[in-house]
Amino acid sequence: MTQAETSLQPFAVPRTIIKADPLVYGAIAAAGITLWWLTRAHVSWLPVWAPWEFSFVEFFGAWLTVWWYVRGLMLMPTAERPSIGRTVSFFIGMLVIYSALETRYEYLAEHQFFFNRIQHVGMHHLGPFLIALSWPGATLRRGAPSSVIRLFDHPALRAVTNVLQQPVIAGVLFVGLIFFWLTPSIHFRAMIDPRLFSLMNWSMVVDGLLFWFLVLDPRPTPPARISFGARAALSVLTILPQIIGGAMIAFSPKDLYSFYDLCGRIYPELGAHYDQTVGGLIIWIPPGMMGILGLVLVLNFLRKAEERNLQDADDENDTGPIIQASQWTG
């Protein structure tokens, strides 16, 4: 994901935040260890919002990111803070991804195809879309530890990101990963192998973030990586392959995903074909709607950029003395 470099000059961190840091990190660590123990020893005690399969990477990745964002908000001057809408968008996006990965919903996604498709729409489309729309880079850089910032600024990581966010590669990966993991033989293997299942989910999250940060960049070029026209094209051109792929799955007369019969469906009375049809429609309709919404937002970013350019041009041309009518009419 690419955002403008935020030059962080040395500044005094308030004592309240210095005191809060160890408490917050300790609370996150304690909560993670407790949930890990409960998911292995006392699953029946846990509510529906608790993890089905606990992952330290997913748990700490989500909660540390949230804390660094909150910390960044507290450290930023009021005038530089993101709007309430952008802040809410960030938290909802994080909640969508976390709910798909670290709650009992994961059990549903492992036992019903259309629930699995809803999970992937949340991880690959809705969650990353909302996070990218919040444009949180400056806030996270302000709140994250310097070691984390150095990691994300590492030349090797930047080189990989530069390749993955080339427009053609980004578009092919965005659509291709969806249907790669939906290839029946690969999907079957991913659902029975916990490591491959985790790789599938994380690849969807990371790819969704890379794609939507590229498309929903509100800045002109430069510093944005690609032009507004390329961003609009990416948003639109990825719609048709998803429609075609979703329709092929929805209208297929064969049971493509026998895994869900073998593991036991949550709603066996719906039948394999109905489950697959609904799943195909979920691949088809919500992503298409989000592609259109992405196009609308890109066009709005273009409008705002042109308005700023016109305003800057007017300011440069307006160099003469300002004469008020009251000065010569009395």
Protein backbone atom coordinates (compact mmCIF):
# COMPACT_ATOMS: atom_id res chain seq x y z
CA MET A 1 0.00 0.00 0.00
CA THR A 2 1.35 3.41 -0.86
CA GLN A 3 0.75 6.64 0.94
CA ALA A 4 2.61 9.92 1.06
CA GLU A 5 5.69 9.79 3.20
CA THR A 6 4.92 11.38 6.52
CA SER A 7 7.93 13.23 7.87
CA LEU A 8 7.87 12.64 11.57
CA GLN A 9 10.09 15.11 13.33
CA PRO A 10 11.11 14.31 16.92
CA PHE A 11 8.40 15.37 19.32
CA ALA A 12 7.64 14.93 22.98
CA VAL A 13 5.31 12.04 23.67
CA PRO A 14 2.84 12.96 26.43
CA ARG A 15 3.48 11.22 29.73
CA THR A 16 -0.05 9.78 29.73
CA ILE A 17 0.68 7.85 26.53
CA ILE A 18 4.07 6.71 27.82
CA LYS A 19 2.32 5.31 30.88
CA ALA A 20 -0.49 3.78 28.81
CA ASP A 21 1.81 1.88 26.42
CA PRO A 22 2.91 -0.93 28.76
CA LEU A 23 -0.62 -1.25 30.14
CA VAL A 24 -2.15 -1.61 26.68
CA TYR A 25 0.51 -3.99 25.40
CA GLY A 26 0.18 -6.04 28.57
CA ALA A 27 -3.61 -6.17 28.27
CA ILE A 28 -3.40 -7.29 24.63
CA ALA A 29 -0.84 -9.98 25.49
CA ALA A 30 -2.88 -11.21 28.47
CA ALA A 31 -6.08 -11.33 26.40
CA GLY A 32 -4.34 -13.24 23.64
CA ILE A 33 -2.85 -15.84 25.97
CA THR A 34 -6.17 -16.24 27.77
CA LEU A 35 -8.10 -16.77 24.54
CA TRP A 36 -5.48 -19.20 23.29
CA TRP A 37 -5.85 -21.27 26.47
CA LEU A 38 -9.64 -21.15 26.45
CA THR A 39 -9.92 -22.24 22.80
CA ARG A 40 -7.91 -25.34 23.69
CA ALA A 41 -9.17 -26.17 27.15
CA HIS A 42 -12.67 -24.71 27.57
CA VAL A 43 -14.22 -23.96 24.18
CA SER A 44 -17.74 -24.28 25.59
CA TRP A 45 -17.13 -21.29 27.87
CA LEU A 46 -16.54 -18.93 24.97
CA PRO A 47 -19.16 -16.61 23.41
CA VAL A 48 -19.79 -16.36 19.67
CA TRP A 49 -17.43 -13.39 19.28
CA ALA A 50 -14.49 -15.45 20.57
CA PRO A 51 -12.13 -17.20 18.13
CA TRP A 52 -12.95 -20.60 16.70
CA GLU A 53 -9.31 -21.33 15.81
CA PHE A 54 -7.14 -18.87 17.73
CA SER A 55 -4.22 -17.30 15.84
CA PHE A 56 -1.64 -15.17 17.64
CA VAL A 57 -0.69 -13.52 14.33
CA GLU A 58 -4.26 -12.51 13.52
CA PHE A 59 -5.12 -11.47 17.07
CA PHE A 60 -2.01 -9.39 17.73
CA GLY A 61 -1.95 -8.04 14.17
CA ALA A 62 -5.47 -6.65 14.55
CA TRP A 63 -5.30 -5.31 18.09
CA LEU A 64 -1.83 -3.78 17.81
CA THR A 65 -2.87 -2.02 14.59
CA VAL A 66 -5.94 -0.61 16.35
CA TRP A 67 -3.83 0.61 19.29
CA TRP A 68 -1.26 2.23 17.02
CA TYR A 69 -4.06 4.01 15.17
CA VAL A 70 -5.59 5.26 18.44
CA ARG A 71 -2.11 6.25 19.65
CA GLY A 72 -1.50 8.11 16.40
CA LEU A 73 -4.77 10.02 16.82
CA MET A 74 -3.75 11.08 20.32
CA LEU A 75 -0.31 12.21 19.15
CA MET A 76 -1.49 14.14 16.09
CA PRO A 77 -2.31 17.85 16.33
CA THR A 78 -6.05 18.42 16.12
CA ALA A 79 -5.79 20.12 12.73
CA GLU A 80 -4.00 17.10 11.22
CA ARG A 81 -6.32 14.40 12.49
CA PRO A 82 -8.48 12.52 9.98
CA SER A 83 -12.18 13.29 9.83
CA ILE A 84 -14.67 11.36 11.92
CA GLY A 85 -15.91 9.61 8.79
CA ARG A 86 -12.43 8.37 7.89
CA THR A 87 -11.79 7.24 11.46
CA VAL A 88 -15.07 5.33 11.62
CA SER A 89 -14.30 3.76 8.24
CA PHE A 90 -10.98 2.47 9.58
CA PHE A 91 -12.50 0.88 12.67
CA ILE A 92 -15.37 -0.74 10.75
CA GLY A 93 -12.93 -2.12 8.20
CA MET A 94 -10.77 -3.61 10.94
CA LEU A 95 -13.87 -5.06 12.62
CA VAL A 96 -15.01 -6.71 9.38
CA ILE A 97 -11.66 -8.44 8.85
CA TYR A 98 -11.30 -9.42 12.51
CA SER A 99 -14.83 -10.83 12.62
CA ALA A 100 -14.12 -12.97 9.55
CA LEU A 101 -10.90 -14.39 11.00
CA GLU A 102 -11.09 -14.44 14.80
CA THR A 103 -14.69 -15.20 15.76
CA ARG A 104 -17.02 -18.21 15.60
CA TYR A 105 -18.00 -17.05 12.12
CA GLU A 106 -14.95 -18.97 10.90
CA TYR A 107 -16.73 -22.19 11.90
CA LEU A 108 -19.66 -21.26 9.68
CA ALA A 109 -17.29 -20.49 6.81
CA GLU A 110 -15.76 -23.95 7.17
CA HIS A 111 -19.15 -25.70 6.99
CA GLN A 112 -21.21 -23.83 4.38
CA PHE A 113 -20.03 -22.60 1.00
CA PHE A 114 -22.05 -19.38 0.91
CA PHE A 115 -20.82 -18.46 4.40
CA ASN A 116 -17.29 -19.02 3.12
CA ARG A 117 -17.98 -16.63 0.23
CA ILE A 118 -19.33 -13.98 2.63
CA GLN A 119 -16.15 -14.39 4.68
CA HIS A 120 -13.96 -13.79 1.63
CA VAL A 121 -15.98 -10.78 0.48
CA GLY A 122 -15.39 -9.28 3.91
CA MET A 123 -11.66 -10.10 3.92
CA HIS A 124 -10.90 -9.24 0.30
CA HIS A 125 -13.40 -6.51 -0.55
CA LEU A 126 -15.35 -4.77 2.21
CA GLY A 127 -12.79 -4.69 5.03
CA PRO A 128 -9.79 -3.59 2.91
CA PHE A 129 -12.04 -1.17 0.98
CA LEU A 130 -13.07 0.62 4.19
CA ILE A 131 -9.53 0.68 5.57
CA ALA A 132 -8.16 2.10 2.31
CA LEU A 133 -10.97 4.66 2.21
CA SER A 134 -9.91 5.86 5.68
CA TRP A 135 -6.37 6.48 4.30
CA PRO A 136 -4.76 5.73 7.70
CA GLY A 137 -1.07 5.84 6.76
CA ALA A 138 -0.17 9.14 8.42
CA THR A 139 -2.02 8.22 11.60
CA LEU A 140 -0.45 4.77 11.83
CA ARG A 141 3.03 6.14 11.17
CA ARG A 142 2.54 8.61 13.97
CA GLY A 143 1.41 5.94 16.44
CA ALA A 144 3.43 2.87 15.51
CA PRO A 145 6.84 2.10 17.06
CA SER A 146 9.84 3.22 15.02
CA SER A 147 10.91 -0.40 14.52
CA VAL A 148 7.61 -1.18 12.79
CA ILE A 149 7.93 1.90 10.59
CA ARG A 150 11.47 0.87 9.61
CA LEU A 151 10.20 -2.61 8.73
CA PHE A 152 7.54 -1.25 6.36
CA ASP A 153 10.04 1.21 4.91
CA HIS A 154 12.58 -1.54 4.19
CA PRO A 155 13.75 -1.37 0.55
CA ALA A 156 13.02 -5.08 -0.03
CA LEU A 157 9.41 -4.75 1.13
CA ARG A 158 8.96 -1.58 -0.88
CA ALA A 159 10.35 -3.32 -3.98
CA VAL A 160 7.85 -6.16 -3.62
CA THR A 161 5.00 -3.69 -3.09
CA ASN A 162 6.05 -1.70 -6.16
CA VAL A 163 5.79 -4.85 -8.28
CA LEU A 164 2.48 -6.04 -6.82
CA GLN A 165 0.91 -2.60 -7.29
CA GLN A 166 1.71 -2.34 -10.97
CA PRO A 167 -1.77 -1.82 -12.48
CA VAL A 168 -1.89 -4.97 -14.64
CA ILE A 169 -0.39 -7.19 -11.93
CA ALA A 170 -2.68 -5.71 -9.27
CA GLY A 171 -5.79 -6.32 -11.37
CA VAL A 172 -4.81 -9.86 -12.35
CA LEU A 173 -3.96 -10.77 -8.76
CA PHE A 174 -7.14 -9.21 -7.40
CA VAL A 175 -9.36 -11.37 -9.59
CA GLY A 176 -6.98 -14.29 -10.06
CA LEU A 177 -6.52 -15.06 -6.36
CA ILE A 178 -10.28 -15.34 -5.87
CA PHE A 179 -10.66 -18.01 -8.52
CA PHE A 180 -7.34 -19.67 -7.76
CA TRP A 181 -8.61 -20.55 -4.30
CA LEU A 182 -12.01 -21.47 -5.80
CA THR A 183 -10.50 -24.07 -8.10
CA PRO A 184 -12.30 -27.15 -6.69
CA SER A 185 -9.19 -29.28 -6.08
CA ILE A 186 -7.25 -26.36 -4.53
CA HIS A 187 -10.24 -25.24 -2.46
CA PHE A 188 -10.69 -28.78 -1.13
CA ARG A 189 -7.04 -28.99 -0.10
CA ALA A 190 -7.11 -25.54 1.51
CA MET A 191 -10.16 -26.43 3.59
CA ILE A 192 -8.58 -29.61 5.03
CA ASP A 193 -5.08 -28.21 5.61
CA PRO A 194 -5.02 -25.58 8.44
CA ARG A 195 -1.77 -24.04 7.19
CA LEU A 196 -3.06 -23.73 3.63
CA PHE A 197 -6.39 -22.42 4.96
CA SER A 198 -4.55 -19.69 6.87
CA LEU A 199 -2.46 -18.85 3.79
CA MET A 200 -5.61 -18.58 1.71
CA ASN A 201 -7.24 -16.17 4.13
CA TRP A 202 -4.17 -14.00 4.64
CA SER A 203 -3.47 -13.82 0.91
CA MET A 204 -7.00 -12.48 0.41
CA VAL A 205 -6.59 -9.83 3.12
CA VAL A 206 -3.17 -8.65 1.93
CA ASP A 207 -4.17 -8.60 -1.73
CA GLY A 208 -7.37 -6.72 -0.93
CA LEU A 209 -5.41 -4.07 0.95
CA LEU A 210 -2.84 -3.70 -1.83
CA PHE A 211 -5.53 -3.35 -4.49
CA TRP A 212 -7.85 -0.94 -2.72
CA PHE A 213 -5.02 1.28 -1.45
CA LEU A 214 -3.92 1.57 -5.07
CA VAL A 215 -7.42 2.32 -6.41
CA LEU A 216 -8.68 4.55 -3.58
CA ASP A 217 -5.61 6.77 -3.39
CA PRO A 218 -7.17 10.26 -3.12
CA ARG A 219 -4.06 12.09 -4.32
CA PRO A 220 -3.17 13.21 -7.86
CA THR A 221 -0.22 11.72 -9.76
CA PRO A 222 2.40 12.22 -8.41
CA PRO A 223 2.60 11.34 -5.53
CA ALA A 224 -0.02 8.67 -6.30
CA ARG A 225 1.36 5.64 -8.09
CA ILE A 226 -1.08 5.69 -11.04
CA SER A 227 -3.40 8.23 -12.64
CA PHE A 228 -7.06 8.70 -11.80
CA GLY A 229 -7.94 7.18 -15.17
CA ALA A 230 -5.96 4.02 -14.42
CA ARG A 231 -7.58 3.77 -11.00
CA ALA A 232 -11.05 4.10 -12.52
CA ALA A 233 -10.20 1.48 -15.14
CA LEU A 234 -8.94 -0.97 -12.52
CA SER A 235 -12.11 -0.57 -10.49
CA VAL A 236 -14.32 -1.25 -13.53
CA LEU A 237 -12.30 -3.88 -15.39
CA THR A 238 -12.17 -6.22 -12.41
CA ILE A 239 -15.97 -6.37 -12.27
CA LEU A 240 -16.65 -8.44 -15.40
CA PRO A 241 -14.37 -11.41 -14.56
CA GLN A 242 -15.99 -11.67 -11.13
CA ILE A 243 -19.46 -11.60 -12.68
CA ILE A 244 -18.53 -14.31 -15.19
CA GLY A 245 -16.83 -16.50 -12.58
CA GLY A 246 -19.66 -16.07 -10.09
CA ALA A 247 -22.26 -16.91 -12.75
CA MET A 248 -20.35 -20.04 -13.80
CA ILE A 249 -20.37 -21.28 -10.22
CA ALA A 250 -23.95 -20.24 -9.53
CA PHE A 251 -25.38 -21.94 -12.64
CA SER A 252 -23.13 -25.01 -12.66
CA PRO A 253 -25.21 -28.23 -12.58
CA LYS A 254 -22.38 -30.07 -10.78
CA ASP A 255 -21.48 -30.03 -7.10
CA LEU A 256 -18.08 -28.36 -7.40
CA TYR A 257 -17.27 -28.22 -3.70
CA SER A 258 -17.84 -31.65 -2.21
CA PHE A 259 -15.79 -30.74 0.87
CA TYR A 260 -18.85 -29.20 2.49
CA ASP A 261 -20.78 -32.46 2.21
CA LEU A 262 -17.89 -34.39 3.70
CA CYS A 263 -17.41 -32.03 6.66
CA GLY A 264 -21.13 -31.51 7.18
CA ARG A 265 -23.05 -28.41 6.17
CA ILE A 266 -24.58 -26.09 8.74
CA TYR A 267 -27.86 -26.24 6.80
CA PRO A 268 -27.88 -29.64 5.07
CA GLU A 269 -31.54 -29.21 4.16
CA LEU A 270 -30.60 -26.46 1.70
CA GLY A 271 -28.73 -28.91 -0.47
CA ALA A 272 -25.37 -28.65 -2.20
CA HIS A 273 -26.70 -27.05 -5.38
CA TYR A 274 -28.61 -24.29 -3.56
CA ASP A 275 -25.58 -23.58 -1.35
CA GLN A 276 -23.37 -23.33 -4.43
CA THR A 277 -25.86 -21.09 -6.27
CA VAL A 278 -26.06 -18.63 -3.39
CA GLY A 279 -22.27 -18.68 -3.08
CA GLY A 280 -21.92 -17.88 -6.79
CA LEU A 281 -24.29 -14.95 -6.47
CA ILE A 282 -22.22 -13.62 -3.56
CA ILE A 283 -19.11 -13.79 -5.76
CA TRP A 284 -21.05 -12.04 -8.53
CA ILE A 285 -23.14 -9.25 -6.99
CA PRO A 286 -21.42 -7.60 -3.94
CA PRO A 287 -17.98 -7.32 -5.59
CA GLY A 288 -19.57 -5.81 -8.69
CA MET A 289 -21.37 -3.22 -6.59
CA MET A 290 -18.14 -2.37 -4.79
CA GLY A 291 -16.34 -1.94 -8.11
CA ILE A 292 -18.95 0.62 -9.15
CA LEU A 293 -18.65 2.37 -5.79
CA GLY A 294 -14.88 2.44 -6.24
CA LEU A 295 -15.34 4.11 -9.64
CA VAL A 296 -17.63 6.76 -8.13
CA LEU A 297 -15.10 7.50 -5.38
CA VAL A 298 -12.21 7.76 -7.85
CA LEU A 299 -14.20 10.24 -9.95
CA ASN A 300 -14.94 12.23 -6.81
CA PHE A 301 -11.23 12.29 -5.93
CA LEU A 302 -10.54 13.56 -9.47
CA ARG A 303 -13.15 16.31 -9.07
CA LYS A 304 -11.63 17.45 -5.78
CA ALA A 305 -8.11 17.44 -7.24
CA GLU A 306 -9.24 19.59 -10.20
CA GLU A 307 -10.99 22.01 -7.86
CA ARG A 308 -7.81 22.35 -5.79
CA ASN A 309 -5.79 22.97 -8.95
CA LEU A 310 -8.22 25.68 -10.07
CA GLN A 311 -8.14 27.28 -6.63
CA ASP A 312 -4.33 27.25 -6.61
CA ALA A 313 -4.28 28.82 -10.08
CA ASP A 314 -6.69 31.55 -8.98
CA ASP A 315 -4.57 32.26 -5.92
CA GLU A 316 -1.44 32.60 -8.07
CA ASN A 317 -3.12 34.91 -10.58
CA ASP A 318 -4.77 37.08 -7.96
CA THR A 319 -1.71 39.18 -7.12
CA GLY A 320 -3.13 42.69 -7.50
CA PRO A 321 -4.25 44.97 -4.65
CA ILE A 322 -7.63 44.26 -3.14
CA ILE A 323 -9.90 47.31 -3.48
CA GLN A 324 -13.09 47.40 -1.52
CA ALA A 325 -16.07 49.32 -2.93
CA SER A 326 -16.53 51.22 0.33
CA GLN A 327 -13.12 52.86 -0.17
CA TRP A 328 -14.27 54.91 -3.18
CA THR A 329 -18.06 55.06 -2.82
CA GLY A 330 -17.98 56.37 0.69
